[in-house]
PDB file of N, CA and C in Angstrom:
ATOM      1  N   UNK A   1       0.800  -1.198   0.001  1.00  0.00           N
ATOM      2  CA  UNK A   1      -0.001   0.002   0.001  1.00  0.00           C
ATOM      3  C   UNK A   1       0.854   1.271  -0.003  1.00  0.00           C
ATOM      4  N   UNK A   2       2.165   1.147   0.028  1.00  0.00           N
ATOM      5  CA  UNK A   2       3.011   2.337   0.033  1.00  0.00           C
ATOM      6  C   UNK A   2       3.258   2.882  -1.371  1.00  0.00           C
ATOM      7  N   UNK A   3       2.974   2.101  -2.413  1.00  0.00           N
ATOM      8  CA  UNK A   3       3.263   2.557  -3.766  1.00  0.00           C
ATOM      9  C   UNK A   3       2.588   3.893  -4.111  1.00  0.00           C
ATOM     10  N   UNK A   4       1.320   4.111  -3.762  1.00  0.00           N
ATOM     11  CA  UNK A   4       0.723   5.405  -4.103  1.00  0.00           C
ATOM     12  C   UNK A   4       1.434   6.589  -3.430  1.00  0.00           C
ATOM     13  N   UNK A   5       2.107   6.354  -2.338  1.00  0.00           N
ATOM     14  CA  UNK A   5       2.784   7.449  -1.639  1.00  0.00           C
ATOM     15  C   UNK A   5       4.250   7.551  -2.055  1.00  0.00           C
ATOM     16  N   UNK A   6       4.878   6.412  -2.284  1.00  0.00           N
ATOM     17  CA  UNK A   6       6.310   6.413  -2.572  1.00  0.00           C
ATOM     18  C   UNK A   6       6.637   6.072  -4.019  1.00  0.00           C
ATOM     19  N   UNK A   7       5.666   5.623  -4.796  1.00  0.00           N
ATOM     20  CA  UNK A   7       5.927   5.280  -6.195  1.00  0.00           C
ATOM     21  C   UNK A   7       6.285   6.526  -6.989  1.00  0.00           C
ATOM     22  N   UNK A   8       7.355   6.453  -7.755  1.00  0.00           N
ATOM     23  CA  UNK A   8       7.839   7.608  -8.485  1.00  0.00           C
ATOM     24  C   UNK A   8       6.780   8.182  -9.420  1.00  0.00           C
ATOM     25  N   UNK A   9       5.997   7.324 -10.083  1.00  0.00           N
ATOM     26  CA  UNK A   9       4.976   7.836 -10.996  1.00  0.00           C
ATOM     27  C   UNK A   9       3.902   8.626 -10.265  1.00  0.00           C
ATOM     28  N   UNK A  10       3.551   8.197  -9.059  1.00  0.00           N
ATOM     29  CA  UNK A  10       2.543   8.915  -8.282  1.00  0.00           C
ATOM     30  C   UNK A  10       3.100  10.233  -7.737  1.00  0.00           C
ATOM     31  N   UNK A  11       4.344  10.216  -7.314  1.00  0.00           N
ATOM     32  CA  UNK A  11       4.971  11.437  -6.807  1.00  0.00           C
ATOM     33  C   UNK A  11       5.057  12.472  -7.932  1.00  0.00           C
ATOM     34  N   UNK A  12       5.442  12.036  -9.131  1.00  0.00           N
ATOM     35  CA  UNK A  12       5.508  12.955 -10.278  1.00  0.00           C
ATOM     36  C   UNK A  12       4.124  13.501 -10.596  1.00  0.00           C
ATOM     37  N   UNK A  13       3.100  12.663 -10.533  1.00  0.00           N
ATOM     38  CA  UNK A  13       1.741  13.127 -10.809  1.00  0.00           C
ATOM     39  C   UNK A  13       1.306  14.148  -9.756  1.00  0.00           C
ATOM     40  N   UNK A  14       1.600  13.914  -8.483  1.00  0.00           N
ATOM     41  CA  UNK A  14       1.226  14.862  -7.427  1.00  0.00           C
ATOM     42  C   UNK A  14       1.919  16.210  -7.607  1.00  0.00           C
ATOM     43  N   UNK A  15       3.203  16.164  -7.944  1.00  0.00           N
ATOM     44  CA  UNK A  15       3.948  17.402  -8.164  1.00  0.00           C
ATOM     45  C   UNK A  15       3.391  18.132  -9.387  1.00  0.00           C
ATOM     46  N   UNK A  16       3.079  17.390 -10.445  1.00  0.00           N
ATOM     47  CA  UNK A  16       2.542  18.005 -11.658  1.00  0.00           C
ATOM     48  C   UNK A  16       1.199  18.680 -11.383  1.00  0.00           C
ATOM     49  N   UNK A  17       0.338  18.033 -10.604  1.00  0.00           N
ATOM     50  CA  UNK A  17      -0.953  18.636 -10.261  1.00  0.00           C
ATOM     51  C   UNK A  17      -0.748  19.901  -9.435  1.00  0.00           C
ATOM     52  N   UNK A  18       0.185  19.870  -8.515  1.00  0.00           N
ATOM     53  CA  UNK A  18       0.477  21.059  -7.710  1.00  0.00           C
ATOM     54  C   UNK A  18       1.015  22.206  -8.550  1.00  0.00           C
ATOM     55  N   UNK A  19       1.913  21.900  -9.479  1.00  0.00           N
ATOM     56  CA  UNK A  19       2.460  22.933 -10.361  1.00  0.00           C
ATOM     57  C   UNK A  19       1.383  23.495 -11.279  1.00  0.00           C
ATOM     58  N   UNK A  20       0.529  22.618 -11.784  1.00  0.00           N
ATOM     59  CA  UNK A  20      -0.556  23.058 -12.650  1.00  0.00           C
ATOM     60  C   UNK A  20      -1.488  24.012 -11.886  1.00  0.00           C
ATOM     61  N   UNK A  21      -1.820  23.634 -10.654  1.00  0.00           N
ATOM     62  CA  UNK A  21      -2.655  24.497  -9.823  1.00  0.00           C
ATOM     63  C   UNK A  21      -1.991  25.838  -9.549  1.00  0.00           C
ATOM     64  N   UNK A  22      -0.684  25.807  -9.340  1.00  0.00           N
ATOM     65  CA  UNK A  22       0.046  27.059  -9.077  1.00  0.00           C
ATOM     66  C   UNK A  22       0.029  27.964 -10.296  1.00  0.00           C
ATOM     67  N   UNK A  23       0.118  27.374 -11.488  1.00  0.00           N
ATOM     68  CA  UNK A  23       0.081  28.180 -12.709  1.00  0.00           C
ATOM     69  C   UNK A  23      -1.300  28.787 -12.932  1.00  0.00           C
ATOM     70  N   UNK A  24      -2.350  28.038 -12.591  1.00  0.00           N
ATOM     71  CA  UNK A  24      -3.710  28.539 -12.804  1.00  0.00           C
ATOM     72  C   UNK A  24      -4.129  29.552 -11.751  1.00  0.00           C
ATOM     73  N   UNK A  25      -3.489  29.516 -10.592  1.00  0.00           N
ATOM     74  CA  UNK A  25      -3.830  30.464  -9.525  1.00  0.00           C
ATOM     75  C   UNK A  25      -5.016  29.989  -8.705  1.00  0.00           C
ATOM     76  N   UNK A  26      -5.510  30.898  -7.868  1.00  0.00           N
ATOM     77  CA  UNK A  26      -6.643  30.555  -7.001  1.00  0.00           C
ATOM     78  C   UNK A  26      -7.923  30.471  -7.805  1.00  0.00           C
ATOM     79  N   UNK A  27      -8.840  29.615  -7.510  1.00  0.00           N
ATOM     80  CA  UNK A  27      -8.874  28.596  -6.469  1.00  0.00           C
ATOM     81  C   UNK A  27      -8.239  27.278  -6.895  1.00  0.00           C
ATOM     82  N   UNK A  28      -7.753  27.196  -8.161  1.00  0.00           N
ATOM     83  CA  UNK A  28      -7.174  25.942  -8.641  1.00  0.00           C
ATOM     84  C   UNK A  28      -5.977  25.503  -7.822  1.00  0.00           C
ATOM     85  N   UNK A  29      -5.312  26.432  -7.182  1.00  0.00           N
ATOM     86  CA  UNK A  29      -4.135  26.122  -6.365  1.00  0.00           C
ATOM     87  C   UNK A  29      -4.452  25.090  -5.297  1.00  0.00           C
ATOM     88  N   UNK A  30      -5.656  25.136  -4.744  1.00  0.00           N
ATOM     89  CA  UNK A  30      -6.031  24.140  -3.736  1.00  0.00           C
ATOM     90  C   UNK A  30      -7.080  23.168  -4.255  1.00  0.00           C
ATOM     91  N   UNK A  31      -7.904  23.552  -5.240  1.00  0.00           N
ATOM     92  CA  UNK A  31      -8.955  22.668  -5.736  1.00  0.00           C
ATOM     93  C   UNK A  31      -8.368  21.453  -6.462  1.00  0.00           C
ATOM     94  N   UNK A  32      -7.382  21.674  -7.334  1.00  0.00           N
ATOM     95  CA  UNK A  32      -6.816  20.560  -8.083  1.00  0.00           C
ATOM     96  C   UNK A  32      -6.148  19.515  -7.175  1.00  0.00           C
ATOM     97  N   UNK A  33      -5.286  19.903  -6.242  1.00  0.00           N
ATOM     98  CA  UNK A  33      -4.709  18.876  -5.354  1.00  0.00           C
ATOM     99  C   UNK A  33      -5.759  18.169  -4.504  1.00  0.00           C
ATOM    100  N   UNK A  34      -6.781  18.891  -4.030  1.00  0.00           N
ATOM    101  CA  UNK A  34      -7.832  18.260  -3.228  1.00  0.00           C
ATOM    102  C   UNK A  34      -8.628  17.260  -4.069  1.00  0.00           C
ATOM    103  N   UNK A  35      -8.957  17.637  -5.307  1.00  0.00           N
ATOM    104  CA  UNK A  35      -9.690  16.727  -6.199  1.00  0.00           C
ATOM    105  C   UNK A  35      -8.834  15.508  -6.531  1.00  0.00           C
ATOM    106  N   UNK A  36      -7.545  15.704  -6.767  1.00  0.00           N
ATOM    107  CA  UNK A  36      -6.640  14.602  -7.068  1.00  0.00           C
ATOM    108  C   UNK A  36      -6.573  13.618  -5.909  1.00  0.00           C
ATOM    109  N   UNK A  37      -6.353  14.135  -4.716  1.00  0.00           N
ATOM    110  CA  UNK A  37      -6.260  13.254  -3.543  1.00  0.00           C
ATOM    111  C   UNK A  37      -7.599  12.608  -3.215  1.00  0.00           C
ATOM    112  N   UNK A  38      -8.701  13.320  -3.414  1.00  0.00           N
ATOM    113  CA  UNK A  38     -10.027  12.746  -3.139  1.00  0.00           C
ATOM    114  C   UNK A  38     -10.309  11.575  -4.079  1.00  0.00           C
ATOM    115  N   UNK A  39      -9.987  11.746  -5.356  1.00  0.00           N
ATOM    116  CA  UNK A  39     -10.212  10.647  -6.295  1.00  0.00           C
ATOM    117  C   UNK A  39      -9.313   9.463  -5.965  1.00  0.00           C
ATOM    118  N   UNK A  40      -8.101   9.748  -5.552  1.00  0.00           N
ATOM    119  CA  UNK A  40      -7.155   8.700  -5.170  1.00  0.00           C
ATOM    120  C   UNK A  40      -7.697   7.931  -3.954  1.00  0.00           C
ATOM    121  N   UNK A  41      -8.202   8.665  -2.960  1.00  0.00           N
ATOM    122  CA  UNK A  41      -8.742   8.016  -1.771  1.00  0.00           C
ATOM    123  C   UNK A  41     -10.004   7.205  -2.076  1.00  0.00           C
ATOM    124  N   UNK A  42     -10.832   7.687  -2.990  1.00  0.00           N
ATOM    125  CA  UNK A  42     -12.030   6.926  -3.373  1.00  0.00           C
ATOM    126  C   UNK A  42     -11.654   5.605  -4.045  1.00  0.00           C
ATOM    127  N   UNK A  43     -10.633   5.632  -4.885  1.00  0.00           N
ATOM    128  CA  UNK A  43     -10.186   4.399  -5.531  1.00  0.00           C
ATOM    129  C   UNK A  43      -9.623   3.446  -4.487  1.00  0.00           C
ATOM    130  N   UNK A  44      -8.837   3.955  -3.545  1.00  0.00           N
ATOM    131  CA  UNK A  44      -8.297   3.096  -2.495  1.00  0.00           C
ATOM    132  C   UNK A  44      -9.417   2.491  -1.649  1.00  0.00           C
ATOM    133  N   UNK A  45     -10.422   3.288  -1.356  1.00  0.00           N
ATOM    134  CA  UNK A  45     -11.567   2.781  -0.587  1.00  0.00           C
ATOM    135  C   UNK A  45     -12.285   1.685  -1.352  1.00  0.00           C
ATOM    136  N   UNK A  46     -12.431   1.880  -2.662  1.00  0.00           N
ATOM    137  CA  UNK A  46     -13.073   0.863  -3.489  1.00  0.00           C
ATOM    138  C   UNK A  46     -12.278  -0.437  -3.452  1.00  0.00           C
ATOM    139  N   UNK A  47     -10.955  -0.343  -3.492  1.00  0.00           N
ATOM    140  CA  UNK A  47     -10.099  -1.524  -3.437  1.00  0.00           C
ATOM    141  C   UNK A  47     -10.213  -2.203  -2.076  1.00  0.00           C
ATOM    142  N   UNK A  48     -10.165  -1.403  -1.000  1.00  0.00           N
ATOM    143  CA  UNK A  48     -10.245  -1.981   0.344  1.00  0.00           C
ATOM    144  C   UNK A  48     -11.584  -2.656   0.601  1.00  0.00           C
ATOM    145  N   UNK A  49     -12.662  -2.097   0.062  1.00  0.00           N
ATOM    146  CA  UNK A  49     -13.992  -2.701   0.234  1.00  0.00           C
ATOM    147  C   UNK A  49     -14.271  -3.784  -0.793  1.00  0.00           C
ATOM    148  N   UNK A  50     -13.292  -4.003  -1.683  1.00  0.00           N
ATOM    149  CA  UNK A  50     -13.390  -5.016  -2.729  1.00  0.00           C
ATOM    150  C   UNK A  50     -14.643  -4.848  -3.582  1.00  0.00           C
ATOM    151  N   UNK A  51     -14.946  -3.593  -3.918  1.00  0.00           N
ATOM    152  CA  UNK A  51     -16.094  -3.311  -4.776  1.00  0.00           C
ATOM    153  C   UNK A  51     -15.677  -3.433  -6.229  1.00  0.00           C
ATOM    154  N   UNK A  52     -16.446  -4.151  -6.961  1.00  0.00           N
ATOM    155  CA  UNK A  52     -16.263  -4.262  -8.399  1.00  0.00           C
ATOM    156  C   UNK A  52     -16.743  -2.970  -9.048  1.00  0.00           C
ATOM    157  N   UNK A  53     -16.202  -2.621 -10.208  1.00  0.00           N
ATOM    158  CA  UNK A  53     -16.590  -1.388 -10.890  1.00  0.00           C
ATOM    159  C   UNK A  53     -18.092  -1.352 -11.148  1.00  0.00           C
ATOM    160  N   UNK A  54     -18.696  -2.483 -11.555  1.00  0.00           N
ATOM    161  CA  UNK A  54     -20.125  -2.516 -11.857  1.00  0.00           C
ATOM    162  C   UNK A  54     -20.965  -2.327 -10.597  1.00  0.00           C
ATOM    163  N   UNK A  55     -20.508  -2.876  -9.478  1.00  0.00           N
ATOM    164  CA  UNK A  55     -21.217  -2.656  -8.211  1.00  0.00           C
ATOM    165  C   UNK A  55     -21.173  -1.176  -7.834  1.00  0.00           C
ATOM    166  N   UNK A  56     -20.047  -0.547  -8.029  1.00  0.00           N
ATOM    167  CA  UNK A  56     -19.896   0.863  -7.709  1.00  0.00           C
ATOM    168  C   UNK A  56     -20.807   1.722  -8.589  1.00  0.00           C
ATOM    169  N   UNK A  57     -20.901   1.375  -9.869  1.00  0.00           N
ATOM    170  CA  UNK A  57     -21.804   2.105 -10.780  1.00  0.00           C
ATOM    171  C   UNK A  57     -23.237   1.992 -10.306  1.00  0.00           C
ATOM    172  N   UNK A  58     -23.642   0.810  -9.824  1.00  0.00           N
ATOM    173  CA  UNK A  58     -25.013   0.620  -9.338  1.00  0.00           C
ATOM    174  C   UNK A  58     -25.269   1.491  -8.107  1.00  0.00           C
ATOM    175  N   UNK A  59     -24.314   1.565  -7.213  1.00  0.00           N
ATOM    176  CA  UNK A  59     -24.461   2.376  -6.000  1.00  0.00           C
ATOM    177  C   UNK A  59     -24.579   3.848  -6.382  1.00  0.00           C
ATOM    178  N   UNK A  60     -23.704   4.312  -7.263  1.00  0.00           N
ATOM    179  CA  UNK A  60     -23.739   5.718  -7.656  1.00  0.00           C
ATOM    180  C   UNK A  60     -25.020   6.042  -8.423  1.00  0.00           C
ATOM    181  N   UNK A  61     -25.477   5.124  -9.271  1.00  0.00           N
ATOM    182  CA  UNK A  61     -26.706   5.356 -10.028  1.00  0.00           C
ATOM    183  C   UNK A  61     -27.903   5.406  -9.081  1.00  0.00           C
ATOM    184  N   UNK A  62     -27.919   4.513  -8.078  1.00  0.00           N
ATOM    185  CA  UNK A  62     -29.005   4.495  -7.110  1.00  0.00           C
ATOM    186  C   UNK A  62     -29.059   5.818  -6.342  1.00  0.00           C
ATOM    187  N   UNK A  63     -27.900   6.302  -5.911  1.00  0.00           N
ATOM    188  CA  UNK A  63     -27.843   7.563  -5.158  1.00  0.00           C
ATOM    189  C   UNK A  63     -28.253   8.752  -6.023  1.00  0.00           C
ATOM    190  N   UNK A  64     -27.909   8.703  -7.300  1.00  0.00           N
ATOM    191  CA  UNK A  64     -28.218   9.801  -8.197  1.00  0.00           C
ATOM    192  C   UNK A  64     -29.716   9.876  -8.507  1.00  0.00           C
ATOM    193  N   UNK A  65     -30.372   8.723  -8.557  1.00  0.00           N
ATOM    194  CA  UNK A  65     -31.784   8.711  -8.916  1.00  0.00           C
ATOM    195  C   UNK A  65     -32.720   9.023  -7.750  1.00  0.00           C
ATOM    196  N   UNK A  66     -32.200   8.997  -6.529  1.00  0.00           N
ATOM    197  CA  UNK A  66     -33.074   9.271  -5.372  1.00  0.00           C
ATOM    198  C   UNK A  66     -33.075  10.724  -4.973  1.00  0.00           C
TER     199      UNK A  66
END
């Protein structure tokens, strides 16, 4: 589970998102890194809960329709 934190490809992606946000200025300076980390955490949660992609689509579709 350390690869997302210590893997060179992930570190480069995190730095790139931070630089991109810095170039765009506020509010992208904090929105882009927060969105990046949030999506990363959602994927990790999906893996930990062993949710299949199709099961996740059903959950999101159910929540969207209510």
